Amino acid sequence: MNELGDFLRARRSRLSPADAGIAVYGHRKVAGLRREEIAVLAGVSADYYTRLEQGRERHPSAQVLDALSRALDLDDETAEHLYRLAGTSPGHSPAPVREVVSPALLQLMDHYTSTPAFVINRTLDVLATNAIADALFSPFAVADNLLRMTFLDPAGRKFYAAWNRAAQAGVANLRVAAGHDPRDPRLLELVATLSAASEEFTAMWTAQDIRGKTQDAKELLHPEVGPLSLTYQAFDVRNAPGQQLIIYQAEPGSASAEAIILLGARQPRKTRRNA
C-alpha cells in the first residue's frame, strides 16, 4: 500500500503546465506535470520526489510537505490530508473510533422531532437515527452506510436528485477517513466492496479528491412526499472521535419543511442502530 505516493501522483496529474506557470514547447506525452517539474516547484531533487511517489521514502519533513502543498496547489483541507498520509501532522496516530452512540446523544436526537438527525462514523456507516431520519431513508433496503446506499442500492439513483454530485461528495468524505488511518480494516473492506461493484466509485476514488462535510444543500426525491431541498450541519462528537452528528433542515415555511413534517407523521415508529 502506498497511499502517499498514490495521492501525490493523482494530484500531480491534475495540474497543467499553465497552472504552474511553466512554458510548454511541443507535444507532451504525460497528463499534468512531470515529476521533475513538481520537484523543481517544491525545491527538492527529482530523485527524492520520485522516491516519495514510489513509496521508497515515506517520512518527508514538515518543510517538504509545506513545499509540496504549495507546488501542488492544495487547499488547507487537502494539505492536512497530505500531512496525515505522511504521518507527520500533530496527533497523526489514529484514535480508536467508537462505534456505539452514547445514550445521552441518542436522547438528544429524540428531541429533534421535526428534522432528520443521524450519527455516522468516518467511513460513513450510519450508527444511529431518529424517527424522521428513518422515514427519510425508508426508500433504501437498509440504511447502513451512506456510500453503499448511494452506489449499490438502486434507490440511490432516484433518491439523490443530483446523484453525481452527491456521489462525488461522499467519496471525497471517505478520502478524509483514509487520511486518518489508511489501514483501517473497515475502510479497506468498504473500498474493496464498492470498487468491485461500481466503476463509477473506482474512478471517483482514484481521483483523490478530499472534502469534509460541508453545509451544501441536499436535493432529494422521496417517493412518498416528493422533492426535498435540505441543508445540513455536521457536528463532531467530542467524546467519540470519528463520530459526527448530522442534522438536516428545511427552510421554515417551505414546501420541503411541510414535506418533512408529513414524512415524520407517516412513520411514527422509532428505530435506532448501534454497531
C-alpha atoms as a PDB file:
ATOM      1  CA  MET A   1       0.000   0.000   0.000  1.00  0.00           C
ATOM      2  CA  ASN A   2       1.385   3.401  -0.993  1.00  0.00           C
ATOM      3  CA  GLU A   3      -1.297   5.940  -0.115  1.00  0.00           C
ATOM      4  CA  LEU A   4       1.132   8.871  -0.044  1.00  0.00           C
ATOM      5  CA  GLY A   5       2.589   8.073  -3.466  1.00  0.00           C
ATOM      6  CA  ASP A   6      -0.838   7.464  -4.995  1.00  0.00           C
ATOM      7  CA  PHE A   7      -2.053  10.788  -3.671  1.00  0.00           C
ATOM      8  CA  LEU A   8       0.966  12.731  -4.978  1.00  0.00           C
ATOM      9  CA  ARG A   9       0.666  11.087  -8.390  1.00  0.00           C
ATOM     10  CA  ALA A  10      -3.056  11.829  -8.663  1.00  0.00           C
ATOM     11  CA  ARG A  11      -2.687  15.464  -7.648  1.00  0.00           C
ATOM     12  CA  ARG A  12       0.300  15.975  -9.969  1.00  0.00           C
ATOM     13  CA  SER A  13      -1.675  14.645 -12.932  1.00  0.00           C
ATOM     14  CA  ARG A  14      -4.359  17.271 -12.362  1.00  0.00           C
ATOM     15  CA  LEU A  15      -2.040  20.277 -12.691  1.00  0.00           C
ATOM     16  CA  SER A  16      -1.347  21.667 -16.124  1.00  0.00           C
ATOM     17  CA  PRO A  17       1.874  23.465 -17.016  1.00  0.00           C
ATOM     18  CA  ALA A  18      -0.175  26.639 -17.385  1.00  0.00           C
ATOM     19  CA  ASP A  19      -1.425  26.243 -13.797  1.00  0.00           C
ATOM     20  CA  ALA A  20       2.172  26.162 -12.606  1.00  0.00           C
ATOM     21  CA  GLY A  21       3.414  28.910 -14.927  1.00  0.00           C
ATOM     22  CA  ILE A  22       5.580  26.507 -16.949  1.00  0.00           C
ATOM     23  CA  ALA A  23       6.132  27.220 -20.615  1.00  0.00           C
ATOM     24  CA  VAL A  24       5.360  24.317 -22.957  1.00  0.00           C
ATOM     25  CA  TYR A  25       7.125  23.647 -26.229  1.00  0.00           C
ATOM     26  CA  GLY A  26       5.947  20.848 -28.483  1.00  0.00           C
ATOM     27  CA  HIS A  27       3.747  17.863 -27.641  1.00  0.00           C
ATOM     28  CA  ARG A  28       3.641  16.463 -24.092  1.00  0.00           C
ATOM     29  CA  LYS A  29       3.117  12.732 -23.577  1.00  0.00           C
ATOM     30  CA  VAL A  30       2.037  12.894 -19.927  1.00  0.00           C
ATOM     31  CA  ALA A  31      -1.112  14.279 -18.325  1.00  0.00           C
ATOM     32  CA  GLY A  32      -0.414  17.017 -15.840  1.00  0.00           C
ATOM     33  CA  LEU A  33       3.047  17.901 -14.618  1.00  0.00           C
ATOM     34  CA  ARG A  34       6.113  15.687 -14.773  1.00  0.00           C
ATOM     35  CA  ARG A  35       7.823  14.517 -11.603  1.00  0.00           C
ATOM     36  CA  GLU A  36      10.803  16.698 -12.401  1.00  0.00           C
ATOM     37  CA  GLU A  37       8.584  19.761 -12.702  1.00  0.00           C
ATOM     38  CA  ILE A  38       6.917  19.221  -9.334  1.00  0.00           C
ATOM     39  CA  ALA A  39      10.331  18.614  -7.791  1.00  0.00           C
ATOM     40  CA  VAL A  40      11.574  21.959  -9.109  1.00  0.00           C
ATOM     41  CA  LEU A  41       8.460  23.775  -7.882  1.00  0.00           C
ATOM     42  CA  ALA A  42       8.842  22.192  -4.423  1.00  0.00           C
ATOM     43  CA  GLY A  43      12.601  22.787  -4.242  1.00  0.00           C
ATOM     44  CA  VAL A  44      13.543  19.110  -3.829  1.00  0.00           C
ATOM     45  CA  SER A  45      15.589  16.816  -6.025  1.00  0.00           C
ATOM     46  CA  ALA A  46      13.848  14.842  -8.736  1.00  0.00           C
ATOM     47  CA  ASP A  47      15.289  11.640  -7.252  1.00  0.00           C
ATOM     48  CA  TYR A  48      13.844  12.417  -3.806  1.00  0.00           C
ATOM     49  CA  TYR A  49      10.413  13.233  -5.212  1.00  0.00           C
ATOM     50  CA  THR A  50      10.449  10.043  -7.303  1.00  0.00           C
ATOM     51  CA  ARG A  51      11.199   8.030  -4.164  1.00  0.00           C
ATOM     52  CA  LEU A  52       8.193   9.664  -2.471  1.00  0.00           C
ATOM     53  CA  GLU A  53       5.858   8.641  -5.275  1.00  0.00           C
ATOM     54  CA  GLN A  54       7.297   5.132  -5.455  1.00  0.00           C
ATOM     55  CA  GLY A  55       6.983   4.582  -1.708  1.00  0.00           C
ATOM     56  CA  ARG A  56      10.739   4.261  -1.135  1.00  0.00           C
ATOM     57  CA  GLU A  57      10.676   7.408   1.013  1.00  0.00           C
ATOM     58  CA  ARG A  58       7.782   7.552   3.467  1.00  0.00           C
ATOM     59  CA  HIS A  59       8.782  10.153   6.037  1.00  0.00           C
ATOM     60  CA  PRO A  60       9.153  13.601   4.432  1.00  0.00           C
ATOM     61  CA  SER A  61       9.724  16.504   6.765  1.00  0.00           C
ATOM     62  CA  ALA A  62       7.138  19.172   7.512  1.00  0.00           C
ATOM     63  CA  GLN A  63       9.151  21.596   5.383  1.00  0.00           C
ATOM     64  CA  VAL A  64       8.989  19.251   2.392  1.00  0.00           C
ATOM     65  CA  LEU A  65       5.261  18.739   2.870  1.00  0.00           C
ATOM     66  CA  ASP A  66       4.728  22.504   3.023  1.00  0.00           C
ATOM     67  CA  ALA A  67       6.644  22.878  -0.227  1.00  0.00           C
ATOM     68  CA  LEU A  68       4.714  20.049  -1.895  1.00  0.00           C
ATOM     69  CA  SER A  69       1.414  21.559  -0.766  1.00  0.00           C
ATOM     70  CA  ARG A  70       2.321  24.829  -2.461  1.00  0.00           C
ATOM     71  CA  ALA A  71       3.651  23.120  -5.585  1.00  0.00           C
ATOM     72  CA  LEU A  72       0.507  21.002  -5.913  1.00  0.00           C
ATOM     73  CA  ASP A  73      -1.734  23.988  -5.129  1.00  0.00           C
ATOM     74  CA  LEU A  74      -3.534  22.194  -2.288  1.00  0.00           C
ATOM     75  CA  ASP A  75      -6.180  23.904  -0.204  1.00  0.00           C
ATOM     76  CA  ASP A  76      -5.936  23.741   3.598  1.00  0.00           C
ATOM     77  CA  GLU A  77      -8.097  20.633   3.991  1.00  0.00           C
ATOM     78  CA  THR A  78      -6.266  18.715   1.265  1.00  0.00           C
ATOM     79  CA  ALA A  79      -2.872  19.778   2.636  1.00  0.00           C
ATOM     80  CA  GLU A  80      -3.898  18.467   6.050  1.00  0.00           C
ATOM     81  CA  HIS A  81      -4.763  15.168   4.379  1.00  0.00           C
ATOM     82  CA  LEU A  82      -1.271  15.076   2.831  1.00  0.00           C
ATOM     83  CA  TYR A  83       0.252  15.557   6.287  1.00  0.00           C
ATOM     84  CA  ARG A  84      -1.821  12.723   7.718  1.00  0.00           C
ATOM     85  CA  LEU A  85      -0.768  10.374   4.917  1.00  0.00           C
ATOM     86  CA  ALA A  86       2.869  11.190   5.664  1.00  0.00           C
ATOM     87  CA  GLY A  87       2.306  10.630   9.383  1.00  0.00           C
ATOM     88  CA  THR A  88       3.732  13.989  10.400  1.00  0.00           C
ATOM     89  CA  SER A  89       0.671  16.019  11.376  1.00  0.00           C
ATOM     90  CA  PRO A  90       0.021  16.703  15.062  1.00  0.00           C
ATOM     91  CA  GLY A  91      -1.737  13.745  16.608  1.00  0.00           C
ATOM     92  CA  HIS A  92      -1.338  11.666  13.483  1.00  0.00           C
ATOM     93  CA  SER A  93      -1.693   8.347  15.308  1.00  0.00           C
ATOM     94  CA  PRO A  94      -5.287   7.295  14.598  1.00  0.00           C
ATOM     95  CA  ALA A  95      -7.501   7.422  17.663  1.00  0.00           C
ATOM     96  CA  PRO A  96      -9.769   4.428  18.111  1.00  0.00           C
ATOM     97  CA  VAL A  97     -13.232   5.143  16.731  1.00  0.00           C
ATOM     98  CA  ARG A  98     -16.179   4.355  18.953  1.00  0.00           C
ATOM     99  CA  GLU A  99     -18.930   2.590  17.056  1.00  0.00           C
ATOM    100  CA  VAL A 100     -21.583   2.790  19.791  1.00  0.00           C
ATOM    101  CA  VAL A 101     -23.538   6.023  20.145  1.00  0.00           C
ATOM    102  CA  SER A 102     -23.833   7.253  23.714  1.00  0.00           C
ATOM    103  CA  PRO A 103     -27.240   7.177  25.441  1.00  0.00           C
ATOM    104  CA  ALA A 104     -27.003  10.934  26.015  1.00  0.00           C
ATOM    105  CA  LEU A 105     -26.620  11.609  22.296  1.00  0.00           C
ATOM    106  CA  LEU A 106     -29.483   9.252  21.461  1.00  0.00           C
ATOM    107  CA  GLN A 107     -31.647  11.137  23.936  1.00  0.00           C
ATOM    108  CA  LEU A 108     -30.675  14.434  22.329  1.00  0.00           C
ATOM    109  CA  MET A 109     -31.635  13.083  18.904  1.00  0.00           C
ATOM    110  CA  ASP A 110     -35.062  12.149  20.278  1.00  0.00           C
ATOM    111  CA  HIS A 111     -35.734  15.846  20.830  1.00  0.00           C
ATOM    112  CA  TYR A 112     -35.337  16.599  17.121  1.00  0.00           C
ATOM    113  CA  THR A 113     -38.942  15.749  16.357  1.00  0.00           C
ATOM    114  CA  SER A 114     -39.294  17.789  13.172  1.00  0.00           C
ATOM    115  CA  THR A 115     -35.976  17.259  11.407  1.00  0.00           C
ATOM    116  CA  PRO A 116     -33.845  14.225  10.453  1.00  0.00           C
ATOM    117  CA  ALA A 117     -30.813  13.554  12.653  1.00  0.00           C
ATOM    118  CA  PHE A 118     -28.362  10.680  12.462  1.00  0.00           C
ATOM    119  CA  VAL A 119     -24.849   9.729  13.553  1.00  0.00           C
ATOM    120  CA  ILE A 120     -22.122   8.455  11.224  1.00  0.00           C
ATOM    121  CA  ASN A 121     -18.516   7.387  11.642  1.00  0.00           C
ATOM    122  CA  ARG A 122     -15.534   8.248   9.423  1.00  0.00           C
ATOM    123  CA  THR A 123     -16.374   5.530   6.914  1.00  0.00           C
ATOM    124  CA  LEU A 124     -19.930   6.893   6.667  1.00  0.00           C
ATOM    125  CA  ASP A 125     -21.567   3.967   8.451  1.00  0.00           C
ATOM    126  CA  VAL A 126     -24.918   5.043   9.901  1.00  0.00           C
ATOM    127  CA  LEU A 127     -24.665   4.308  13.629  1.00  0.00           C
ATOM    128  CA  ALA A 128     -27.946   5.793  14.863  1.00  0.00           C
ATOM    129  CA  THR A 129     -31.018   7.598  13.525  1.00  0.00           C
ATOM    130  CA  ASN A 130     -34.017   9.427  14.871  1.00  0.00           C
ATOM    131  CA  ALA A 131     -37.567   8.708  13.703  1.00  0.00           C
ATOM    132  CA  ILE A 132     -37.636  11.229  10.860  1.00  0.00           C
ATOM    133  CA  ALA A 133     -34.254  10.084   9.580  1.00  0.00           C
ATOM    134  CA  ASP A 134     -35.677   6.551   9.465  1.00  0.00           C
ATOM    135  CA  ALA A 135     -38.611   7.871   7.450  1.00  0.00           C
ATOM    136  CA  LEU A 136     -36.302   9.861   5.176  1.00  0.00           C
ATOM    137  CA  PHE A 137     -34.140   6.824   4.408  1.00  0.00           C
ATOM    138  CA  SER A 138     -37.095   4.433   4.078  1.00  0.00           C
ATOM    139  CA  PRO A 139     -36.669   4.031   0.260  1.00  0.00           C
ATOM    140  CA  PHE A 140     -33.404   2.159   0.897  1.00  0.00           C
ATOM    141  CA  ALA A 141     -33.380  -1.555   1.633  1.00  0.00           C
ATOM    142  CA  VAL A 142     -31.002  -0.902   4.554  1.00  0.00           C
ATOM    143  CA  ALA A 143     -29.760   2.485   5.772  1.00  0.00           C
ATOM    144  CA  ASP A 144     -26.381   1.225   6.943  1.00  0.00           C
ATOM    145  CA  ASN A 145     -23.703   3.169   5.032  1.00  0.00           C
ATOM    146  CA  LEU A 146     -24.168   6.360   3.018  1.00  0.00           C
ATOM    147  CA  LEU A 147     -21.803   5.322   0.233  1.00  0.00           C
ATOM    148  CA  ARG A 148     -23.185   1.803  -0.085  1.00  0.00           C
ATOM    149  CA  MET A 149     -26.663   3.334  -0.259  1.00  0.00           C
ATOM    150  CA  THR A 150     -25.527   5.796  -2.936  1.00  0.00           C
ATOM    151  CA  PHE A 151     -23.646   3.395  -5.212  1.00  0.00           C
ATOM    152  CA  LEU A 152     -25.110  -0.062  -4.611  1.00  0.00           C
ATOM    153  CA  ASP A 153     -28.759   0.391  -3.648  1.00  0.00           C
ATOM    154  CA  PRO A 154     -30.950   1.023  -6.744  1.00  0.00           C
ATOM    155  CA  ALA A 155     -32.947   3.548  -4.696  1.00  0.00           C
ATOM    156  CA  GLY A 156     -29.895   5.827  -4.503  1.00  0.00           C
ATOM    157  CA  ARG A 157     -30.118   6.915  -8.139  1.00  0.00           C
ATOM    158  CA  LYS A 158     -33.620   8.282  -7.608  1.00  0.00           C
ATOM    159  CA  PHE A 159     -33.246   9.456  -4.020  1.00  0.00           C
ATOM    160  CA  TYR A 160     -30.356  11.828  -4.775  1.00  0.00           C
ATOM    161  CA  ALA A 161     -31.673  14.232  -7.412  1.00  0.00           C
ATOM    162  CA  ALA A 162     -28.101  15.399  -8.129  1.00  0.00           C
ATOM    163  CA  TRP A 163     -26.673  11.882  -7.885  1.00  0.00           C
ATOM    164  CA  ASN A 164     -23.251  12.566  -9.358  1.00  0.00           C
ATOM    165  CA  ARG A 165     -22.623  15.494  -7.035  1.00  0.00           C
ATOM    166  CA  ALA A 166     -23.783  13.506  -4.002  1.00  0.00           C
ATOM    167  CA  ALA A 167     -21.619  10.543  -5.003  1.00  0.00           C
ATOM    168  CA  GLN A 168     -18.502  12.671  -5.507  1.00  0.00           C
ATOM    169  CA  ALA A 169     -19.015  14.409  -2.164  1.00  0.00           C
ATOM    170  CA  GLY A 170     -19.412  11.078  -0.381  1.00  0.00           C
ATOM    171  CA  VAL A 171     -16.248   9.628  -1.908  1.00  0.00           C
ATOM    172  CA  ALA A 172     -14.316  12.783  -1.018  1.00  0.00           C
ATOM    173  CA  ASN A 173     -15.586  12.415   2.567  1.00  0.00           C
ATOM    174  CA  LEU A 174     -14.277   8.852   2.625  1.00  0.00           C
ATOM    175  CA  ARG A 175     -10.866  10.050   1.453  1.00  0.00           C
ATOM    176  CA  VAL A 176     -10.664  12.048   4.704  1.00  0.00           C
ATOM    177  CA  ALA A 177     -11.093   8.767   6.592  1.00  0.00           C
ATOM    178  CA  ALA A 178      -8.255   7.241   4.574  1.00  0.00           C
ATOM    179  CA  GLY A 179      -6.019  10.080   5.726  1.00  0.00           C
ATOM    180  CA  HIS A 180      -6.741   9.296   9.377  1.00  0.00           C
ATOM    181  CA  ASP A 181      -5.988   5.591   9.054  1.00  0.00           C
ATOM    182  CA  PRO A 182      -5.298   4.124   5.569  1.00  0.00           C
ATOM    183  CA  ARG A 183      -5.115   0.615   7.056  1.00  0.00           C
ATOM    184  CA  ASP A 184      -8.443   0.736   8.883  1.00  0.00           C
ATOM    185  CA  PRO A 185      -9.986  -2.702   8.195  1.00  0.00           C
ATOM    186  CA  ARG A 186     -13.483  -1.251   7.797  1.00  0.00           C
ATOM    187  CA  LEU A 187     -12.209   1.323   5.290  1.00  0.00           C
ATOM    188  CA  LEU A 188     -10.386  -1.325   3.259  1.00  0.00           C
ATOM    189  CA  GLU A 189     -13.419  -3.615   3.287  1.00  0.00           C
ATOM    190  CA  LEU A 190     -15.755  -0.837   2.155  1.00  0.00           C
ATOM    191  CA  VAL A 191     -13.449   0.378  -0.620  1.00  0.00           C
ATOM    192  CA  ALA A 192     -12.980  -3.183  -1.872  1.00  0.00           C
ATOM    193  CA  THR A 193     -16.731  -3.838  -1.916  1.00  0.00           C
ATOM    194  CA  LEU A 194     -17.570  -0.596  -3.706  1.00  0.00           C
ATOM    195  CA  SER A 195     -14.707  -0.924  -6.190  1.00  0.00           C
ATOM    196  CA  ALA A 196     -15.749  -4.443  -7.142  1.00  0.00           C
ATOM    197  CA  ALA A 197     -19.329  -3.387  -7.799  1.00  0.00           C
ATOM    198  CA  SER A 198     -19.038   0.134  -9.218  1.00  0.00           C
ATOM    199  CA  GLU A 199     -16.709   1.509 -11.873  1.00  0.00           C
ATOM    200  CA  GLU A 200     -18.011   4.977 -11.044  1.00  0.00           C
ATOM    201  CA  PHE A 201     -16.855   4.628  -7.447  1.00  0.00           C
ATOM    202  CA  THR A 202     -13.435   3.413  -8.602  1.00  0.00           C
ATOM    203  CA  ALA A 203     -12.989   6.430 -10.876  1.00  0.00           C
ATOM    204  CA  MET A 204     -14.024   8.872  -8.139  1.00  0.00           C
ATOM    205  CA  TRP A 205     -11.847   7.148  -5.533  1.00  0.00           C
ATOM    206  CA  THR A 206      -8.824   7.249  -7.826  1.00  0.00           C
ATOM    207  CA  ALA A 207      -9.303  10.998  -8.348  1.00  0.00           C
ATOM    208  CA  GLN A 208      -8.109  11.564  -4.741  1.00  0.00           C
ATOM    209  CA  ASP A 209     -10.494  14.446  -4.036  1.00  0.00           C
ATOM    210  CA  ILE A 210     -10.553  15.437  -0.349  1.00  0.00           C
ATOM    211  CA  ARG A 211     -13.568  17.055   1.227  1.00  0.00           C
ATOM    212  CA  GLY A 212     -15.051  17.008   4.702  1.00  0.00           C
ATOM    213  CA  LYS A 213     -18.699  17.534   5.484  1.00  0.00           C
ATOM    214  CA  THR A 214     -19.952  20.955   4.371  1.00  0.00           C
ATOM    215  CA  GLN A 215     -23.233  22.827   4.523  1.00  0.00           C
ATOM    216  CA  ASP A 216     -24.139  22.237   0.877  1.00  0.00           C
ATOM    217  CA  ALA A 217     -27.791  21.789   0.010  1.00  0.00           C
ATOM    218  CA  LYS A 218     -29.148  18.280  -0.418  1.00  0.00           C
ATOM    219  CA  GLU A 219     -31.587  17.842  -3.286  1.00  0.00           C
ATOM    220  CA  LEU A 220     -33.551  14.679  -2.591  1.00  0.00           C
ATOM    221  CA  LEU A 221     -36.551  12.978  -4.149  1.00  0.00           C
ATOM    222  CA  HIS A 222     -38.610  10.910  -1.730  1.00  0.00           C
ATOM    223  CA  PRO A 223     -41.229   8.572  -3.244  1.00  0.00           C
ATOM    224  CA  GLU A 224     -43.797   9.442  -0.580  1.00  0.00           C
ATOM    225  CA  VAL A 225     -43.520  13.234  -0.278  1.00  0.00           C
ATOM    226  CA  GLY A 226     -41.719  14.321  -3.439  1.00  0.00           C
ATOM    227  CA  PRO A 227     -38.782  16.743  -3.833  1.00  0.00           C
ATOM    228  CA  LEU A 228     -36.875  17.883  -0.751  1.00  0.00           C
ATOM    229  CA  SER A 229     -34.362  20.709  -0.602  1.00  0.00           C
ATOM    230  CA  LEU A 230     -32.437  20.442   2.653  1.00  0.00           C
ATOM    231  CA  THR A 231     -29.317  21.946   4.156  1.00  0.00           C
ATOM    232  CA  TYR A 232     -27.374  20.234   6.899  1.00  0.00           C
ATOM    233  CA  GLN A 233     -24.979  20.779   9.772  1.00  0.00           C
ATOM    234  CA  ALA A 234     -22.278  18.313  10.830  1.00  0.00           C
ATOM    235  CA  PHE A 235     -21.081  18.271  14.439  1.00  0.00           C
ATOM    236  CA  ASP A 236     -18.079  16.327  15.743  1.00  0.00           C
ATOM    237  CA  VAL A 237     -18.947  14.254  18.804  1.00  0.00           C
ATOM    238  CA  ARG A 238     -16.308  15.334  21.281  1.00  0.00           C
ATOM    239  CA  ASN A 239     -16.369  12.238  23.480  1.00  0.00           C
ATOM    240  CA  ALA A 240     -16.353   9.853  20.498  1.00  0.00           C
ATOM    241  CA  PRO A 241     -13.586  10.719  17.992  1.00  0.00           C
ATOM    242  CA  GLY A 242     -14.643   9.847  14.460  1.00  0.00           C
ATOM    243  CA  GLN A 243     -18.370  10.205  15.077  1.00  0.00           C
ATOM    244  CA  GLN A 244     -20.425  13.039  13.609  1.00  0.00           C
ATOM    245  CA  LEU A 245     -23.971  14.118  14.298  1.00  0.00           C
ATOM    246  CA  ILE A 246     -25.672  15.155  11.037  1.00  0.00           C
ATOM    247  CA  ILE A 247     -28.818  17.288  11.175  1.00  0.00           C
ATOM    248  CA  TYR A 248     -30.832  18.022   8.044  1.00  0.00           C
ATOM    249  CA  GLN A 249     -33.096  21.063   7.968  1.00  0.00           C
ATOM    250  CA  ALA A 250     -35.536  22.665   5.573  1.00  0.00           C
ATOM    251  CA  GLU A 251     -36.241  26.357   5.153  1.00  0.00           C
ATOM    252  CA  PRO A 252     -39.048  27.202   7.628  1.00  0.00           C
ATOM    253  CA  GLY A 253     -42.396  27.533   5.885  1.00  0.00           C
ATOM    254  CA  SER A 254     -41.112  25.976   2.667  1.00  0.00           C
ATOM    255  CA  ALA A 255     -42.664  23.096   0.776  1.00  0.00           C
ATOM    256  CA  SER A 256     -39.742  20.952   1.937  1.00  0.00           C
ATOM    257  CA  ALA A 257     -40.474  21.783   5.585  1.00  0.00           C
ATOM    258  CA  GLU A 258     -44.104  20.751   5.126  1.00  0.00           C
ATOM    259  CA  ALA A 259     -42.998  17.559   3.383  1.00  0.00           C
ATOM    260  CA  ILE A 260     -40.644  16.675   6.251  1.00  0.00           C
ATOM    261  CA  ILE A 261     -43.462  17.095   8.771  1.00  0.00           C
ATOM    262  CA  LEU A 262     -45.705  14.915   6.633  1.00  0.00           C
ATOM    263  CA  LEU A 263     -42.958  12.328   6.302  1.00  0.00           C
ATOM    264  CA  GLY A 264     -42.498  12.153  10.049  1.00  0.00           C
ATOM    265  CA  ALA A 265     -46.222  11.718  10.609  1.00  0.00           C
ATOM    266  CA  ARG A 266     -46.300   8.745   8.248  1.00  0.00           C
ATOM    267  CA  GLN A 267     -43.682   6.772  10.168  1.00  0.00           C
ATOM    268  CA  PRO A 268     -44.034   7.262  13.922  1.00  0.00           C
ATOM    269  CA  ARG A 269     -42.144   4.066  14.734  1.00  0.00           C
ATOM    270  CA  LYS A 270     -38.687   4.726  16.210  1.00  0.00           C
ATOM    271  CA  THR A 271     -35.682   2.637  15.329  1.00  0.00           C
ATOM    272  CA  ARG A 272     -32.050   3.049  16.232  1.00  0.00           C
ATOM    273  CA  ARG A 273     -28.895   1.482  15.029  1.00  0.00           C
ATOM    274  CA  ASN A 274     -25.780   0.899  17.054  1.00  0.00           C
ATOM    275  CA  ALA A 275     -22.803  -1.004  15.680  1.00  0.00           C
END
